[in-house]
N, C-alpha and C. Protein backbone atom coordinates (compact mmCIF):
# COMPACT_ATOMS: atom_id res chain seq x y z
N MET A 1 162.45 61.94 107.65
CA MET A 1 161.47 61.61 106.61
C MET A 1 160.13 62.26 106.95
N LYS A 2 159.55 62.96 105.97
CA LYS A 2 158.31 63.66 106.23
C LYS A 2 157.15 62.68 106.29
N ALA A 3 156.26 62.99 107.25
CA ALA A 3 155.07 62.15 107.36
C ALA A 3 154.15 62.41 106.18
N ASP A 4 153.52 61.35 105.71
CA ASP A 4 152.58 61.50 104.60
C ASP A 4 151.41 62.38 105.02
N ARG A 5 151.07 63.30 104.16
CA ARG A 5 149.92 64.14 104.44
C ARG A 5 148.64 63.36 104.16
N LYS A 6 147.68 63.56 105.03
CA LYS A 6 146.41 62.87 104.86
C LYS A 6 145.64 63.49 103.71
N ARG A 7 145.29 62.67 102.74
CA ARG A 7 144.54 63.16 101.59
C ARG A 7 143.11 63.45 102.01
N PRO A 8 142.59 64.64 101.68
CA PRO A 8 141.22 64.97 102.07
C PRO A 8 140.21 64.06 101.38
N SER A 9 139.18 63.72 102.12
CA SER A 9 138.14 62.85 101.57
C SER A 9 137.21 63.65 100.67
N LYS A 10 136.38 62.93 99.93
CA LYS A 10 135.39 63.59 99.08
C LYS A 10 134.42 64.40 99.92
N ALA A 11 134.11 63.91 101.10
CA ALA A 11 133.20 64.63 101.99
C ALA A 11 133.79 65.96 102.41
N ASP A 12 135.14 65.98 102.58
CA ASP A 12 135.80 67.23 102.96
C ASP A 12 135.76 68.25 101.83
N LEU A 13 135.79 67.75 100.63
CA LEU A 13 135.87 68.64 99.47
C LEU A 13 134.52 69.20 99.07
N ARG A 14 133.45 68.46 99.27
CA ARG A 14 132.14 68.87 98.76
C ARG A 14 131.65 70.20 99.32
N PRO A 15 131.71 70.46 100.63
CA PRO A 15 131.23 71.74 101.13
C PRO A 15 131.98 72.93 100.54
N LYS A 16 133.33 72.79 100.37
CA LYS A 16 134.11 73.87 99.80
C LYS A 16 133.68 74.15 98.37
N ALA A 17 133.43 73.09 97.60
CA ALA A 17 133.00 73.26 96.22
C ALA A 17 131.66 73.98 96.17
N ALA A 18 130.77 73.62 97.11
CA ALA A 18 129.46 74.25 97.14
C ALA A 18 129.59 75.74 97.42
N ARG A 19 130.48 76.10 98.37
CA ARG A 19 130.66 77.51 98.71
C ARG A 19 131.27 78.27 97.55
N GLN A 20 132.15 77.62 96.81
CA GLN A 20 132.80 78.30 95.70
C GLN A 20 131.85 78.56 94.55
N THR A 21 130.87 77.67 94.35
CA THR A 21 129.98 77.81 93.20
C THR A 21 128.69 78.55 93.54
N LEU A 22 128.39 78.74 94.82
CA LEU A 22 127.17 79.43 95.20
C LEU A 22 127.28 80.90 94.83
N SER A 23 126.35 81.38 94.04
CA SER A 23 126.41 82.74 93.50
C SER A 23 125.36 83.63 94.14
N ARG A 24 125.45 84.92 93.84
CA ARG A 24 124.43 85.87 94.27
C ARG A 24 123.07 85.46 93.70
N GLU A 25 123.08 85.02 92.43
CA GLU A 25 121.84 84.60 91.79
C GLU A 25 121.20 83.40 92.50
N ALA A 26 122.05 82.50 93.02
CA ALA A 26 121.53 81.33 93.73
C ALA A 26 120.83 81.75 95.02
N TRP A 27 121.40 82.72 95.72
CA TRP A 27 120.77 83.24 96.92
C TRP A 27 119.43 83.88 96.60
N ILE A 28 119.41 84.67 95.55
CA ILE A 28 118.17 85.35 95.17
C ILE A 28 117.11 84.33 94.75
N ALA A 29 117.51 83.30 94.01
CA ALA A 29 116.57 82.26 93.59
C ALA A 29 115.96 81.55 94.80
N ALA A 30 116.81 81.25 95.80
CA ALA A 30 116.31 80.58 97.00
C ALA A 30 115.39 81.51 97.78
N ALA A 31 115.77 82.77 97.88
CA ALA A 31 114.94 83.74 98.59
C ALA A 31 113.60 83.94 97.88
N ARG A 32 113.64 83.91 96.56
CA ARG A 32 112.40 84.08 95.80
C ARG A 32 111.41 82.95 96.09
N LYS A 33 111.90 81.72 96.20
CA LYS A 33 111.02 80.60 96.50
C LYS A 33 110.35 80.79 97.86
N VAL A 34 111.13 81.26 98.84
CA VAL A 34 110.57 81.50 100.16
C VAL A 34 109.55 82.64 100.10
N LEU A 35 109.90 83.71 99.39
CA LEU A 35 108.99 84.84 99.25
C LEU A 35 107.66 84.40 98.65
N GLU A 36 107.70 83.60 97.60
CA GLU A 36 106.49 83.19 96.91
C GLU A 36 105.63 82.24 97.74
N LYS A 37 106.28 81.42 98.58
CA LYS A 37 105.54 80.42 99.36
C LYS A 37 105.11 80.93 100.72
N ARG A 38 105.98 81.76 101.38
CA ARG A 38 105.73 82.12 102.77
C ARG A 38 105.67 83.62 103.03
N GLY A 39 106.07 84.44 102.05
CA GLY A 39 106.02 85.88 102.27
C GLY A 39 107.36 86.46 102.67
N ILE A 40 107.47 87.77 102.59
CA ILE A 40 108.74 88.45 102.81
C ILE A 40 109.23 88.30 104.25
N ALA A 41 108.34 88.16 105.22
CA ALA A 41 108.75 88.04 106.63
C ALA A 41 109.57 86.79 106.87
N GLU A 42 109.42 85.79 106.01
CA GLU A 42 110.15 84.53 106.19
C GLU A 42 111.46 84.48 105.42
N VAL A 43 111.77 85.53 104.69
CA VAL A 43 113.05 85.60 103.99
C VAL A 43 114.10 86.07 104.98
N LYS A 44 114.84 85.11 105.54
CA LYS A 44 115.80 85.39 106.60
C LYS A 44 117.15 84.75 106.26
N ILE A 45 118.21 85.40 106.71
CA ILE A 45 119.56 84.93 106.38
C ILE A 45 119.81 83.54 106.94
N ASP A 46 119.50 83.32 108.20
CA ASP A 46 119.76 82.03 108.83
C ASP A 46 118.98 80.91 108.15
N ARG A 47 117.73 81.19 107.82
CA ARG A 47 116.89 80.18 107.16
C ARG A 47 117.47 79.80 105.80
N LEU A 48 117.89 80.80 105.05
CA LEU A 48 118.45 80.54 103.72
C LEU A 48 119.79 79.83 103.82
N SER A 49 120.61 80.24 104.80
CA SER A 49 121.92 79.59 104.98
C SER A 49 121.75 78.11 105.27
N LYS A 50 120.79 77.80 106.14
CA LYS A 50 120.53 76.39 106.48
C LYS A 50 120.01 75.64 105.27
N GLN A 51 119.12 76.26 104.53
CA GLN A 51 118.56 75.62 103.35
C GLN A 51 119.62 75.34 102.29
N LEU A 52 120.53 76.29 102.11
CA LEU A 52 121.58 76.15 101.10
C LEU A 52 122.81 75.41 101.63
N LYS A 53 122.82 75.11 102.94
CA LYS A 53 123.91 74.38 103.59
C LYS A 53 125.24 75.13 103.47
N VAL A 54 125.17 76.43 103.77
CA VAL A 54 126.37 77.27 103.80
C VAL A 54 126.31 78.14 105.05
N THR A 55 127.39 78.85 105.30
CA THR A 55 127.46 79.70 106.48
C THR A 55 126.91 81.10 106.17
N ARG A 56 126.68 81.87 107.22
CA ARG A 56 126.26 83.26 107.04
C ARG A 56 127.34 84.05 106.30
N GLY A 57 128.58 83.63 106.48
CA GLY A 57 129.67 84.31 105.80
C GLY A 57 129.53 84.25 104.29
N SER A 58 128.97 83.15 103.79
CA SER A 58 128.75 83.03 102.36
C SER A 58 127.74 84.06 101.89
N PHE A 59 126.74 84.32 102.73
CA PHE A 59 125.74 85.35 102.39
C PHE A 59 126.41 86.71 102.28
N TYR A 60 127.22 87.05 103.27
CA TYR A 60 127.83 88.38 103.30
C TYR A 60 128.94 88.55 102.27
N PHE A 61 129.33 87.47 101.61
CA PHE A 61 130.26 87.59 100.50
C PHE A 61 129.57 88.27 99.31
N HIS A 62 128.25 88.07 99.20
CA HIS A 62 127.49 88.61 98.07
C HIS A 62 126.60 89.80 98.43
N PHE A 63 126.19 89.90 99.70
CA PHE A 63 125.22 90.92 100.09
C PHE A 63 125.72 91.70 101.30
N ALA A 64 125.44 92.98 101.28
CA ALA A 64 125.84 93.82 102.41
C ALA A 64 124.91 93.63 103.61
N SER A 65 123.67 93.24 103.34
CA SER A 65 122.67 93.12 104.39
C SER A 65 121.45 92.38 103.85
N LEU A 66 120.50 92.12 104.74
CA LEU A 66 119.24 91.53 104.31
C LEU A 66 118.50 92.48 103.36
N ALA A 67 118.62 93.78 103.63
CA ALA A 67 117.99 94.76 102.74
C ALA A 67 118.56 94.67 101.33
N ASP A 68 119.83 94.36 101.22
CA ASP A 68 120.46 94.21 99.91
C ASP A 68 119.85 93.02 99.17
N LEU A 69 119.61 91.93 99.89
CA LEU A 69 118.96 90.76 99.29
C LEU A 69 117.54 91.11 98.85
N ARG A 70 116.83 91.86 99.66
CA ARG A 70 115.47 92.27 99.31
C ARG A 70 115.47 93.14 98.05
N ASP A 71 116.47 93.99 97.94
CA ASP A 71 116.59 94.79 96.72
C ASP A 71 116.79 93.90 95.50
N GLY A 72 117.56 92.83 95.69
CA GLY A 72 117.77 91.87 94.61
C GLY A 72 116.48 91.18 94.20
N LEU A 73 115.64 90.86 95.17
CA LEU A 73 114.34 90.26 94.89
C LEU A 73 113.44 91.22 94.11
N LEU A 74 113.45 92.47 94.52
CA LEU A 74 112.63 93.46 93.80
C LEU A 74 113.14 93.67 92.38
N GLN A 75 114.45 93.63 92.21
CA GLN A 75 114.99 93.77 90.87
C GLN A 75 114.58 92.59 89.99
N GLU A 76 114.50 91.42 90.59
CA GLU A 76 114.02 90.24 89.88
C GLU A 76 112.59 90.48 89.39
N TRP A 77 111.74 91.00 90.25
CA TRP A 77 110.36 91.31 89.89
C TRP A 77 110.32 92.35 88.77
N ARG A 78 111.14 93.37 88.88
CA ARG A 78 111.17 94.41 87.84
C ARG A 78 111.61 93.84 86.50
N ASN A 79 112.61 92.97 86.54
CA ASN A 79 113.17 92.44 85.29
C ASN A 79 112.18 91.55 84.53
N ILE A 80 111.44 90.72 85.26
CA ILE A 80 110.60 89.74 84.56
C ILE A 80 109.12 90.11 84.53
N ASN A 81 108.66 90.92 85.48
CA ASN A 81 107.24 91.25 85.54
C ASN A 81 106.91 92.68 85.15
N CYS A 82 107.91 93.53 85.12
CA CYS A 82 107.68 94.94 84.78
C CYS A 82 108.27 95.32 83.42
N ALA A 83 109.46 94.80 83.13
CA ALA A 83 110.17 95.19 81.90
C ALA A 83 109.34 94.99 80.63
N PRO A 84 108.57 93.89 80.50
CA PRO A 84 107.78 93.74 79.26
C PRO A 84 106.79 94.88 79.04
N PHE A 85 106.23 95.40 80.13
CA PHE A 85 105.27 96.49 80.02
C PHE A 85 105.98 97.83 79.79
N TRP A 86 107.16 97.99 80.39
CA TRP A 86 107.93 99.20 80.12
C TRP A 86 108.28 99.28 78.63
N ALA A 87 108.60 98.14 78.04
CA ALA A 87 108.94 98.12 76.61
C ALA A 87 107.74 98.52 75.76
N MET A 88 106.55 98.07 76.13
CA MET A 88 105.34 98.41 75.39
C MET A 88 105.00 99.89 75.52
N ARG A 89 105.34 100.48 76.65
CA ARG A 89 105.05 101.89 76.88
C ARG A 89 105.71 102.76 75.82
N ASP A 90 106.84 102.32 75.30
CA ASP A 90 107.61 103.12 74.35
C ASP A 90 107.27 102.82 72.90
N MET A 91 106.28 101.94 72.66
CA MET A 91 105.90 101.62 71.28
C MET A 91 105.03 102.72 70.68
N HIS A 92 105.15 102.92 69.37
CA HIS A 92 104.39 103.96 68.69
C HIS A 92 103.55 103.35 67.58
N ASP A 93 102.45 104.06 67.23
CA ASP A 93 101.59 103.66 66.10
C ASP A 93 101.19 102.19 66.19
N VAL A 94 100.58 101.82 67.32
CA VAL A 94 100.22 100.42 67.55
C VAL A 94 98.92 100.06 66.85
N ASP A 95 98.81 98.79 66.47
CA ASP A 95 97.56 98.21 66.02
C ASP A 95 96.80 97.77 67.28
N GLY A 96 95.59 98.28 67.46
CA GLY A 96 94.89 98.06 68.72
C GLY A 96 94.72 96.61 69.12
N LEU A 97 94.20 95.80 68.20
CA LEU A 97 93.96 94.40 68.52
C LEU A 97 95.25 93.65 68.78
N GLN A 98 96.28 93.89 67.98
CA GLN A 98 97.55 93.22 68.18
C GLN A 98 98.20 93.66 69.49
N PHE A 99 98.06 94.95 69.81
CA PHE A 99 98.62 95.48 71.05
C PHE A 99 97.92 94.83 72.25
N PHE A 100 96.61 94.71 72.19
CA PHE A 100 95.85 94.04 73.24
C PHE A 100 96.32 92.59 73.39
N THR A 101 96.47 91.91 72.26
CA THR A 101 96.92 90.52 72.28
C THR A 101 98.30 90.39 72.91
N ASP A 102 99.20 91.28 72.55
CA ASP A 102 100.56 91.23 73.10
C ASP A 102 100.56 91.46 74.61
N ILE A 103 99.74 92.38 75.08
CA ILE A 103 99.65 92.65 76.53
C ILE A 103 99.16 91.41 77.26
N VAL A 104 98.05 90.86 76.79
CA VAL A 104 97.45 89.71 77.47
C VAL A 104 98.40 88.52 77.48
N HIS A 105 99.15 88.35 76.41
CA HIS A 105 100.02 87.18 76.34
C HIS A 105 101.28 87.30 77.19
N VAL A 106 101.59 88.48 77.68
CA VAL A 106 102.63 88.57 78.70
C VAL A 106 102.20 87.74 79.91
N TRP A 107 100.93 87.85 80.27
CA TRP A 107 100.39 87.08 81.40
C TRP A 107 100.15 85.62 81.04
N VAL A 108 99.54 85.39 79.90
CA VAL A 108 99.14 84.02 79.53
C VAL A 108 100.36 83.12 79.29
N ASP A 109 101.36 83.65 78.59
CA ASP A 109 102.52 82.83 78.23
C ASP A 109 103.46 82.59 79.41
N GLU A 110 103.47 83.53 80.37
CA GLU A 110 104.35 83.41 81.55
C GLU A 110 105.80 83.15 81.13
N ALA A 111 106.26 83.91 80.16
CA ALA A 111 107.62 83.76 79.66
C ALA A 111 108.21 85.13 79.36
N PRO A 112 108.75 85.80 80.37
CA PRO A 112 109.16 85.27 81.67
C PRO A 112 108.22 85.62 82.82
N PHE A 113 107.10 86.27 82.58
CA PHE A 113 106.23 86.77 83.65
C PHE A 113 105.89 85.66 84.64
N SER A 114 105.94 86.00 85.96
CA SER A 114 105.65 85.04 87.02
C SER A 114 104.47 85.51 87.85
N PRO A 115 103.31 84.86 87.76
CA PRO A 115 102.17 85.23 88.60
C PRO A 115 102.47 85.12 90.09
N LEU A 116 103.17 84.06 90.50
CA LEU A 116 103.47 83.88 91.91
C LEU A 116 104.32 85.03 92.46
N LEU A 117 105.31 85.44 91.69
CA LEU A 117 106.17 86.54 92.13
C LEU A 117 105.38 87.84 92.17
N ASP A 118 104.51 88.05 91.19
CA ASP A 118 103.71 89.27 91.17
C ASP A 118 102.82 89.36 92.40
N LEU A 119 102.17 88.26 92.74
CA LEU A 119 101.29 88.23 93.90
C LEU A 119 102.08 88.39 95.19
N ALA A 120 103.25 87.78 95.26
CA ALA A 120 104.08 87.88 96.47
C ALA A 120 104.55 89.31 96.70
N VAL A 121 104.95 89.98 95.63
CA VAL A 121 105.39 91.38 95.77
C VAL A 121 104.21 92.27 96.14
N ARG A 122 103.03 91.98 95.60
CA ARG A 122 101.84 92.74 95.96
C ARG A 122 101.54 92.59 97.45
N ASP A 123 101.65 91.37 97.98
CA ASP A 123 101.47 91.15 99.42
C ASP A 123 102.54 91.88 100.22
N TRP A 124 103.77 91.81 99.76
CA TRP A 124 104.88 92.49 100.41
C TRP A 124 104.63 94.00 100.48
N SER A 125 104.04 94.55 99.44
CA SER A 125 103.83 96.00 99.37
C SER A 125 102.91 96.52 100.47
N ARG A 126 102.16 95.64 101.10
CA ARG A 126 101.28 96.06 102.18
C ARG A 126 102.07 96.45 103.43
N THR A 127 103.35 96.12 103.46
CA THR A 127 104.19 96.45 104.61
C THR A 127 105.18 97.58 104.30
N SER A 128 105.12 98.12 103.10
CA SER A 128 106.07 99.15 102.69
C SER A 128 105.37 100.20 101.83
N ARG A 129 105.33 101.43 102.33
CA ARG A 129 104.67 102.50 101.58
C ARG A 129 105.38 102.75 100.25
N LYS A 130 106.71 102.70 100.26
CA LYS A 130 107.47 102.94 99.04
C LYS A 130 107.18 101.87 97.99
N LEU A 131 107.17 100.60 98.42
CA LEU A 131 106.90 99.51 97.49
C LEU A 131 105.45 99.56 97.03
N ALA A 132 104.54 99.94 97.92
CA ALA A 132 103.13 100.04 97.55
C ALA A 132 102.95 101.05 96.41
N GLN A 133 103.72 102.12 96.46
CA GLN A 133 103.63 103.11 95.39
C GLN A 133 104.18 102.55 94.08
N GLU A 134 105.26 101.77 94.18
CA GLU A 134 105.83 101.17 92.97
C GLU A 134 104.88 100.17 92.34
N VAL A 135 104.22 99.37 93.18
CA VAL A 135 103.24 98.41 92.67
C VAL A 135 102.06 99.15 92.03
N LYS A 136 101.61 100.22 92.68
CA LYS A 136 100.51 101.01 92.12
C LYS A 136 100.91 101.60 90.76
N ASP A 137 102.14 102.10 90.67
CA ASP A 137 102.60 102.65 89.39
C ASP A 137 102.59 101.60 88.29
N MET A 138 102.96 100.36 88.65
CA MET A 138 102.93 99.29 87.65
C MET A 138 101.50 98.93 87.28
N ASP A 139 100.60 98.88 88.27
CA ASP A 139 99.19 98.64 87.97
C ASP A 139 98.65 99.72 87.01
N ASP A 140 98.99 100.96 87.32
CA ASP A 140 98.52 102.08 86.49
C ASP A 140 99.04 101.96 85.07
N LEU A 141 100.31 101.54 84.93
CA LEU A 141 100.88 101.40 83.60
C LEU A 141 100.19 100.29 82.82
N ARG A 142 99.98 99.15 83.45
CA ARG A 142 99.33 98.03 82.76
C ARG A 142 97.93 98.41 82.31
N ILE A 143 97.18 99.10 83.17
CA ILE A 143 95.83 99.53 82.79
C ILE A 143 95.91 100.57 81.68
N ALA A 144 96.87 101.49 81.77
CA ALA A 144 97.03 102.50 80.72
C ALA A 144 97.32 101.87 79.37
N LEU A 145 98.12 100.81 79.36
CA LEU A 145 98.41 100.13 78.11
C LEU A 145 97.16 99.47 77.53
N LEU A 146 96.35 98.88 78.41
CA LEU A 146 95.10 98.27 77.95
C LEU A 146 94.15 99.34 77.42
N ILE A 147 94.07 100.47 78.11
CA ILE A 147 93.24 101.57 77.62
C ILE A 147 93.71 101.99 76.23
N ARG A 148 95.01 102.09 76.08
CA ARG A 148 95.56 102.48 74.78
C ARG A 148 95.16 101.50 73.68
N SER A 149 95.16 100.21 74.01
CA SER A 149 94.77 99.21 73.00
C SER A 149 93.31 99.37 72.61
N PHE A 150 92.43 99.59 73.60
CA PHE A 150 91.01 99.76 73.30
C PHE A 150 90.76 101.06 72.53
N ARG A 151 91.46 102.11 72.90
CA ARG A 151 91.31 103.38 72.17
C ARG A 151 91.74 103.21 70.72
N ALA A 152 92.83 102.45 70.50
CA ALA A 152 93.31 102.23 69.13
C ALA A 152 92.34 101.38 68.32
N MET A 153 91.51 100.59 69.01
CA MET A 153 90.48 99.81 68.32
C MET A 153 89.23 100.62 68.04
N GLY A 154 89.19 101.86 68.53
CA GLY A 154 88.07 102.73 68.23
C GLY A 154 87.05 102.91 69.33
N TYR A 155 87.30 102.35 70.51
CA TYR A 155 86.35 102.52 71.61
C TYR A 155 86.50 103.92 72.20
N PRO A 156 85.41 104.52 72.70
CA PRO A 156 85.49 105.85 73.32
C PRO A 156 86.25 105.79 74.64
N PRO A 157 86.71 106.94 75.16
CA PRO A 157 87.56 106.97 76.36
C PRO A 157 86.99 106.25 77.57
N ASP A 158 85.75 106.56 77.98
CA ASP A 158 85.19 105.94 79.19
C ASP A 158 85.03 104.44 79.02
N GLU A 159 84.57 104.02 77.85
CA GLU A 159 84.39 102.59 77.62
C GLU A 159 85.75 101.88 77.59
N SER A 160 86.75 102.53 77.05
CA SER A 160 88.10 101.95 77.03
C SER A 160 88.62 101.75 78.45
N LEU A 161 88.35 102.73 79.33
CA LEU A 161 88.77 102.62 80.73
C LEU A 161 88.08 101.44 81.41
N VAL A 162 86.78 101.31 81.22
CA VAL A 162 86.04 100.23 81.87
C VAL A 162 86.48 98.87 81.35
N ARG A 163 86.66 98.75 80.05
CA ARG A 163 87.10 97.48 79.48
C ARG A 163 88.50 97.13 79.97
N ALA A 164 89.36 98.13 80.08
CA ALA A 164 90.72 97.89 80.57
C ALA A 164 90.70 97.40 82.00
N ARG A 165 89.87 98.03 82.82
CA ARG A 165 89.80 97.61 84.23
C ARG A 165 89.24 96.20 84.35
N ILE A 166 88.20 95.88 83.59
CA ILE A 166 87.63 94.53 83.64
C ILE A 166 88.70 93.50 83.24
N THR A 167 89.44 93.79 82.19
CA THR A 167 90.48 92.88 81.73
C THR A 167 91.54 92.68 82.81
N TYR A 168 91.99 93.79 83.39
CA TYR A 168 93.08 93.71 84.37
C TYR A 168 92.62 93.10 85.69
N PHE A 169 91.47 93.52 86.17
CA PHE A 169 90.98 92.98 87.43
C PHE A 169 90.71 91.48 87.31
N HIS A 170 90.25 91.05 86.16
CA HIS A 170 90.06 89.62 85.91
C HIS A 170 91.39 88.88 86.03
N GLN A 171 92.44 89.45 85.44
CA GLN A 171 93.74 88.79 85.45
C GLN A 171 94.32 88.73 86.86
N ILE A 172 94.29 89.85 87.57
CA ILE A 172 94.82 89.89 88.94
C ILE A 172 93.98 89.01 89.86
N GLY A 173 92.68 88.97 89.61
CA GLY A 173 91.80 88.13 90.43
C GLY A 173 92.16 86.65 90.32
N GLN A 174 92.56 86.22 89.14
CA GLN A 174 92.99 84.82 88.99
C GLN A 174 94.18 84.53 89.90
N TYR A 175 95.13 85.47 89.96
CA TYR A 175 96.30 85.26 90.81
C TYR A 175 95.90 85.27 92.29
N ALA A 176 95.07 86.22 92.67
CA ALA A 176 94.68 86.36 94.07
C ALA A 176 93.94 85.12 94.58
N LEU A 177 93.18 84.48 93.69
CA LEU A 177 92.42 83.28 94.06
C LEU A 177 93.24 82.00 93.90
N SER A 178 94.48 82.14 93.41
CA SER A 178 95.32 80.98 93.12
C SER A 178 94.57 80.01 92.21
N PHE A 179 93.88 80.58 91.23
CA PHE A 179 93.05 79.78 90.31
C PHE A 179 93.94 78.95 89.40
N LYS A 180 93.68 77.65 89.37
CA LYS A 180 94.45 76.72 88.54
C LYS A 180 93.58 76.19 87.41
N GLU A 181 94.19 76.09 86.24
CA GLU A 181 93.45 75.57 85.08
C GLU A 181 94.42 74.90 84.13
N ASP A 182 93.97 73.80 83.54
CA ASP A 182 94.80 73.11 82.57
C ASP A 182 95.14 74.06 81.42
N PRO A 183 96.43 74.16 81.05
CA PRO A 183 96.82 75.09 79.98
C PRO A 183 96.05 74.89 78.69
N ALA A 184 95.73 73.63 78.35
CA ALA A 184 94.98 73.37 77.12
C ALA A 184 93.57 73.95 77.21
N VAL A 185 92.95 73.84 78.38
CA VAL A 185 91.61 74.41 78.57
C VAL A 185 91.68 75.93 78.49
N ARG A 186 92.71 76.48 79.11
CA ARG A 186 92.86 77.94 79.09
C ARG A 186 93.01 78.45 77.66
N ARG A 187 93.80 77.75 76.87
CA ARG A 187 93.98 78.17 75.47
C ARG A 187 92.69 78.04 74.68
N SER A 188 91.93 76.99 74.96
CA SER A 188 90.69 76.78 74.21
C SER A 188 89.65 77.86 74.52
N LEU A 189 89.73 78.43 75.70
CA LEU A 189 88.76 79.46 76.10
C LEU A 189 89.19 80.87 75.69
N GLN A 190 90.43 81.04 75.26
CA GLN A 190 90.93 82.37 74.94
C GLN A 190 90.10 83.09 73.88
N PRO A 191 89.68 82.42 72.79
CA PRO A 191 88.85 83.14 71.81
C PRO A 191 87.56 83.67 72.41
N LEU A 192 86.93 82.89 73.30
CA LEU A 192 85.69 83.33 73.92
C LEU A 192 85.94 84.51 74.86
N PHE A 193 87.04 84.46 75.60
CA PHE A 193 87.39 85.61 76.44
C PHE A 193 87.56 86.86 75.57
N GLY A 194 88.18 86.68 74.41
CA GLY A 194 88.36 87.81 73.50
C GLY A 194 87.04 88.38 73.05
N GLU A 195 86.09 87.51 72.73
CA GLU A 195 84.77 87.97 72.29
C GLU A 195 84.06 88.74 73.39
N VAL A 196 84.17 88.26 74.62
CA VAL A 196 83.51 88.92 75.75
C VAL A 196 84.16 90.28 76.03
N LEU A 197 85.48 90.32 76.02
CA LEU A 197 86.18 91.56 76.37
C LEU A 197 86.12 92.60 75.26
N LEU A 198 85.99 92.15 74.02
CA LEU A 198 86.03 93.08 72.89
C LEU A 198 84.67 93.30 72.23
N GLY A 199 83.66 92.53 72.65
CA GLY A 199 82.37 92.60 71.98
C GLY A 199 81.53 93.80 72.41
N PRO A 200 80.34 93.96 71.81
CA PRO A 200 79.43 95.07 72.14
C PRO A 200 79.01 95.03 73.60
N LEU A 201 78.71 96.19 74.16
CA LEU A 201 78.29 96.26 75.56
C LEU A 201 76.91 95.64 75.77
N VAL A 202 76.00 95.85 74.82
CA VAL A 202 74.64 95.33 74.93
C VAL A 202 74.28 94.63 73.62
N GLN A 203 73.73 93.42 73.73
CA GLN A 203 73.37 92.66 72.53
C GLN A 203 72.35 91.60 72.88
N GLU A 204 71.67 91.11 71.88
CA GLU A 204 70.72 90.04 72.10
C GLU A 204 71.48 88.74 72.38
N PRO A 205 71.00 87.91 73.31
CA PRO A 205 71.68 86.64 73.60
C PRO A 205 71.88 85.80 72.35
N GLY A 206 73.10 85.30 72.18
CA GLY A 206 73.40 84.41 71.07
C GLY A 206 73.70 85.10 69.77
N THR A 207 73.75 86.45 69.78
CA THR A 207 74.00 87.18 68.53
C THR A 207 75.33 87.90 68.52
N ALA A 208 76.25 87.48 69.38
CA ALA A 208 77.54 88.18 69.49
C ALA A 208 78.31 88.08 68.19
N SER A 209 78.78 89.23 67.73
CA SER A 209 79.69 89.22 66.58
C SER A 209 81.08 88.87 67.06
N ARG A 210 81.87 88.26 66.23
CA ARG A 210 83.19 87.81 66.62
C ARG A 210 84.22 88.85 66.20
N PRO A 211 84.87 89.51 67.20
CA PRO A 211 85.87 90.52 66.85
C PRO A 211 86.94 89.93 65.96
N SER A 212 87.35 90.68 64.98
CA SER A 212 88.36 90.22 64.03
C SER A 212 89.65 89.84 64.74
N GLY A 213 90.15 88.64 64.40
CA GLY A 213 91.45 88.22 64.94
C GLY A 213 91.40 87.44 66.21
N THR A 214 90.21 87.21 66.80
CA THR A 214 90.15 86.52 68.09
C THR A 214 89.89 85.02 67.94
N ARG A 215 89.73 84.53 66.73
CA ARG A 215 89.44 83.10 66.54
C ARG A 215 90.68 82.29 66.21
N ASN A 216 91.85 82.86 66.38
CA ASN A 216 93.07 82.15 66.05
C ASN A 216 93.75 81.56 67.28
N GLY A 217 92.98 81.43 68.36
CA GLY A 217 93.55 80.84 69.58
C GLY A 217 94.21 81.88 70.47
N ARG A 218 94.08 83.17 70.13
CA ARG A 218 94.65 84.21 70.96
C ARG A 218 93.58 85.25 71.22
N HIS A 219 93.70 85.94 72.37
CA HIS A 219 92.82 87.07 72.61
C HIS A 219 93.61 88.24 73.12
């Protein structure tokens, strides 16, 4: 007579289920959190394995190496923080004010743009010449798009460049300072930001004209 086989407990089954459902995307998501909070130097296989409660073997099921995981993180940045601007690069016959509004709202709406990821990759680029060039190329593209919006609104070339830089440096500066603000307050100030960024260079105090289209809660 055969001995009864011992039925595995729920505790025995849970780790296997976790290993079976853990995906490449789950590893990248966990690595991204570490990158955003602690920097690229802290993105390590052992740390992530412990955090996810799996073995190193689970990591190597999805990735050839730590460099492969890092490539996945960079692709995440490209997909959510770069792709919206690449799409705008290919637009033709733009309306200047609407184009400016669309650019700014990539940052303001954060859907899918991630300020934390952008800042983390910028910090990471200080350790990699290749990545530093890629980040610079993205900065150049974002500024070029802003210049294009100002030029389409009728501003001269030099003034368009200066306005674009002020707009962009202001946005990046908010991330660098980890500036926090209630979303409702931020939305309420958007029309005023639009007036400042789009208004005349020199004017009498209190006589600012309101650029068309900036009083609808968007800038």
